[in-house]
Protein backbone atom coordinates (compact mmCIF):
# COMPACT_ATOMS: atom_id res chain seq x y z
CA MET A 1 0.01 0.00 0.00
CA LYS A 2 1.38 3.39 -1.06
CA ARG A 3 1.90 5.93 1.72
CA SER A 4 0.53 9.40 1.24
CA PRO A 5 3.12 12.24 1.15
CA LEU A 6 0.71 14.34 3.20
CA LEU A 7 0.63 11.64 5.90
CA PHE A 8 4.42 11.84 6.12
CA LEU A 9 4.37 15.69 6.20
CA SER A 10 1.73 15.69 8.95
CA LEU A 11 3.93 13.30 10.98
CA ILE A 12 6.94 15.55 10.43
CA SER A 13 5.13 18.77 11.27
CA SER A 14 3.58 17.22 14.42
CA LEU A 15 6.92 15.86 15.55
CA LEU A 16 8.55 19.27 15.06
CA VAL A 17 5.80 20.96 17.13
CA ILE A 18 6.17 18.38 19.94
CA LEU A 19 9.95 18.59 20.00
CA VAL A 20 10.04 22.45 19.94
CA SER A 21 7.35 22.55 22.69
CA LEU A 22 9.29 20.14 24.86
CA PHE A 23 12.81 21.59 24.32
CA GLN A 24 12.05 25.23 23.53
CA TRP A 25 13.87 26.62 26.61
CA ASP A 26 16.91 24.45 25.96
CA LEU A 27 16.99 25.76 22.43
CA VAL A 28 16.58 29.38 23.66
CA ASP A 29 19.57 28.87 25.90
CA MET A 30 21.66 27.56 23.00
CA ILE A 31 20.63 30.07 20.28
CA THR A 32 18.95 33.02 22.18
CA GLU A 33 15.39 34.16 21.92
CA PHE A 34 16.07 36.37 18.92
CA LEU A 35 17.33 33.41 16.82
CA MET A 36 14.55 31.21 18.24
CA LEU A 37 11.88 33.47 16.68
CA PRO A 38 12.52 32.19 13.13
CA VAL A 39 12.54 28.60 14.41
CA TRP A 40 9.14 29.07 16.11
CA LEU A 41 7.81 30.86 13.03
CA PHE A 42 8.94 28.11 10.64
CA VAL A 43 7.66 25.24 12.81
CA TYR A 44 4.21 26.71 13.54
CA VAL A 45 3.61 28.10 10.06
CA PHE A 46 4.64 24.75 8.54
CA PHE A 47 2.27 23.02 10.95
CA ILE A 48 -0.62 25.37 10.10
CA ILE A 49 -0.07 24.86 6.33
CA ILE A 50 0.00 21.12 6.67
CA THR A 51 -3.14 21.20 8.90
CA VAL A 52 -5.01 23.18 6.25
CA CYS A 53 -3.83 20.73 3.55
CA THR A 54 -5.01 17.76 5.63
CA LEU A 55 -8.39 19.43 6.12
CA ILE A 56 -8.74 19.90 2.34
CA GLN A 57 -7.74 16.28 1.75
CA LEU A 58 -10.28 15.15 4.35
CA PHE A 59 -13.12 16.82 2.44
CA LYS A 60 -11.85 16.01 -1.07
CA ASN A 61 -10.55 12.43 -0.75
CA ARG A 62 -11.96 11.32 2.60
CA LYS A 63 -8.44 10.60 3.86
CA TRP A 64 -8.70 11.23 7.60
CA GLN A 65 -5.36 9.91 9.02
CA PRO A 66 -3.27 13.04 8.38
CA PHE A 67 -5.97 15.31 9.85
CA VAL A 68 -6.34 13.15 12.92
CA ILE A 69 -2.60 13.36 13.49
CA GLN A 70 -2.83 17.14 13.35
CA LEU A 71 -5.78 17.17 15.76
CA ILE A 72 -3.92 14.92 18.24
CA THR A 73 -0.94 17.29 18.06
CA ILE A 74 -3.11 20.39 18.61
CA GLY A 75 -4.69 18.64 21.68
CA LEU A 76 -1.25 17.78 23.03
CA TRP A 77 0.02 21.30 22.41
CA PHE A 78 -2.84 22.82 24.41
CA PHE A 79 -3.19 20.34 27.19
CA PHE A 80 0.13 18.50 27.72
CA PRO A 81 2.46 20.23 30.22
CA PHE A 82 5.60 20.25 28.05
CA ASP A 83 7.35 22.92 30.14
CA GLN A 84 6.65 21.06 33.41
CA VAL A 85 7.98 17.74 31.98
CA ASN A 86 11.12 19.51 30.78
CA LEU A 87 11.61 21.11 34.26
CA ASN A 88 11.04 17.80 36.01
CA LEU A 89 13.58 16.10 33.74
CA ASN A 90 16.06 18.93 34.26
CA PHE A 91 15.73 18.72 38.06
CA LYS A 92 16.06 14.97 38.24
CA ILE A 93 18.92 14.65 35.80
CA HIS A 94 21.00 17.35 37.45
CA GLN A 95 20.00 17.10 41.13
CA ASP A 96 23.08 15.14 42.36
CA LYS A 97 25.55 17.53 40.66
CA ARG A 98 23.60 20.55 41.89
CA GLU A 99 23.81 19.24 45.44
CA GLU A 100 27.50 18.69 44.96
CA VAL A 101 27.87 22.34 43.99
CA THR A 102 25.76 23.57 46.88
CA ALA A 103 27.94 21.69 49.28
CA LYS A 104 31.07 23.21 47.76
CA VAL A 105 29.53 26.73 48.01
CA GLU A 106 28.50 26.18 51.64
CA ASN A 107 31.97 24.87 52.47
CA GLY A 108 33.77 27.76 50.75
CA VAL A 109 35.35 25.59 48.05
CA ILE A 110 33.46 27.54 45.37
CA ASN A 111 33.20 31.31 46.06
CA PRO A 112 31.76 34.34 44.21
CA ASN A 113 34.12 35.11 41.38
CA VAL A 114 32.41 37.59 39.09
CA SER A 115 34.12 40.92 39.59
CA ASP A 116 31.15 43.24 38.89
CA ASN A 117 28.63 41.15 40.90
CA PRO A 118 29.63 39.75 44.30
CA SER A 119 26.59 37.44 44.46
CA LEU A 120 27.39 35.55 41.24
CA ILE A 121 29.57 32.50 40.77
CA GLN A 122 30.79 31.39 37.37
CA LEU A 123 30.77 27.60 37.78
CA PRO A 124 33.81 25.56 36.89
CA LYS A 125 33.65 23.99 33.46
CA GLU A 126 32.46 20.55 34.71
CA TYR A 127 29.34 22.20 36.24
CA THR A 128 28.32 24.89 33.69
CA GLN A 129 25.50 22.72 32.27
CA LEU A 130 23.71 22.96 35.65
CA SER A 131 22.72 26.60 35.17
CA LYS A 132 21.40 28.08 31.90
CA GLY A 133 22.57 31.35 30.44
CA GLY A 134 26.26 30.90 30.77
CA GLY A 135 26.85 28.62 33.81
CA ASP A 136 26.44 31.27 36.51
CA ILE A 137 24.64 30.69 39.80
CA ALA A 138 23.45 33.37 42.22
CA VAL A 139 24.08 33.27 45.96
CA GLU A 140 22.01 35.06 48.53
CA THR A 141 23.28 35.09 52.11
CA LYS A 142 20.59 34.94 54.84
CA GLY A 143 22.40 35.08 58.20
CA LYS A 144 24.81 32.17 58.11
CA ALA A 145 22.86 30.24 55.47
CA LYS A 146 23.30 30.68 51.74
CA SER A 147 20.48 30.21 49.26
CA ILE A 148 21.64 29.30 45.78
CA LEU A 149 19.86 29.83 42.48
CA PHE A 150 20.55 27.65 39.47
CA PHE A 151 18.99 29.27 36.38
CA THR A 152 16.68 27.27 34.09
CA TYR A 153 16.04 30.41 32.02
CA ARG A 154 18.01 33.61 32.12
CA GLY A 155 16.21 36.40 30.40
CA MET A 156 16.78 40.11 30.55
CA LEU A 157 16.62 42.18 33.79
CA ASP A 158 14.31 40.46 36.31
CA ASN A 159 12.92 37.92 33.78
CA PHE A 160 14.36 34.62 34.94
CA SER A 161 13.52 31.24 36.43
CA GLY A 162 15.41 28.48 38.21
CA PHE A 163 15.83 26.10 41.05
CA VAL A 164 16.70 27.55 44.46
CA TYR A 165 18.45 25.53 47.10
CA ASP A 166 17.90 26.58 50.68
CA PRO A 167 19.81 24.60 53.38
CA ASN A 168 17.06 25.23 55.96
CA ASP A 169 14.26 24.38 53.53
CA ASN A 170 12.84 27.94 53.86
CA LYS A 171 10.59 29.05 51.03
CA PRO A 172 12.24 31.87 49.00
CA LEU A 173 10.80 35.33 49.47
CA LYS A 174 9.16 37.00 46.48
CA THR A 175 12.07 39.51 46.29
CA ASP A 176 15.02 37.13 46.71
CA PHE A 177 17.78 37.30 44.14
CA ASP A 178 16.52 40.77 43.15
CA GLY A 179 13.51 39.12 41.55
CA ASP A 180 9.79 39.57 41.65
CA PHE A 181 8.74 35.93 41.88
CA LYS A 182 5.29 35.20 40.53
CA GLN A 183 5.76 31.48 41.02
CA ILE A 184 7.39 29.68 43.95
CA GLU A 185 6.88 25.86 44.13
CA LYS A 186 8.55 23.32 46.31
CA VAL A 187 9.99 20.51 44.16
CA HIS A 188 12.02 18.52 46.74
CA LYS A 189 13.39 18.88 50.25
CA ASN A 190 15.45 22.11 50.30
CA TRP A 191 14.61 22.80 46.62
CA TYR A 192 12.15 25.29 45.14
CA TYR A 193 11.30 26.27 41.56
CA VAL A 194 10.99 30.07 41.14
CA SER A 195 9.93 32.21 38.22
CA SER A 196 10.21 36.02 37.92
CA TYR A 197 8.65 37.78 34.96
């Protein structure tokens, strides 16, 4: 049985939408938001064009498979928590190494080393993948304890998100790390996800 080219294109367009939705913040970190705009534009315009073509084929030739694939992808795009899945994976994959870094910061093995910002630490090369936007972490001293922020997204000014480690398991304040946190969620003992936008 001969496969329809439109079925193949609908699979490709759907796969692109799912992959971009799942890994968009990793891509933004690699190529910046400005270069990500054409990627988003290409992927979503391509998907829309293929969806229109599948709709036309549905009415003309009664071939429903490509259109159903597009509908399933639209449903996933609206209802599946791609960002949350990406964050959960990020946290679980890097948790041990992040805890290793927090112990080194608490013990004074790793200290602030960015000359124009005494609360930033440029991580050693083996740890740079733990914090997006260049491998920096932010440290906020609260009495004798140090809270540490690993970036998951590092935008401009106060637009950032990340995982905060607090040795006393205290919930971060809305204004910690010079942010204006709109979201603060506990993800594990001593760990919180924060987002400032």
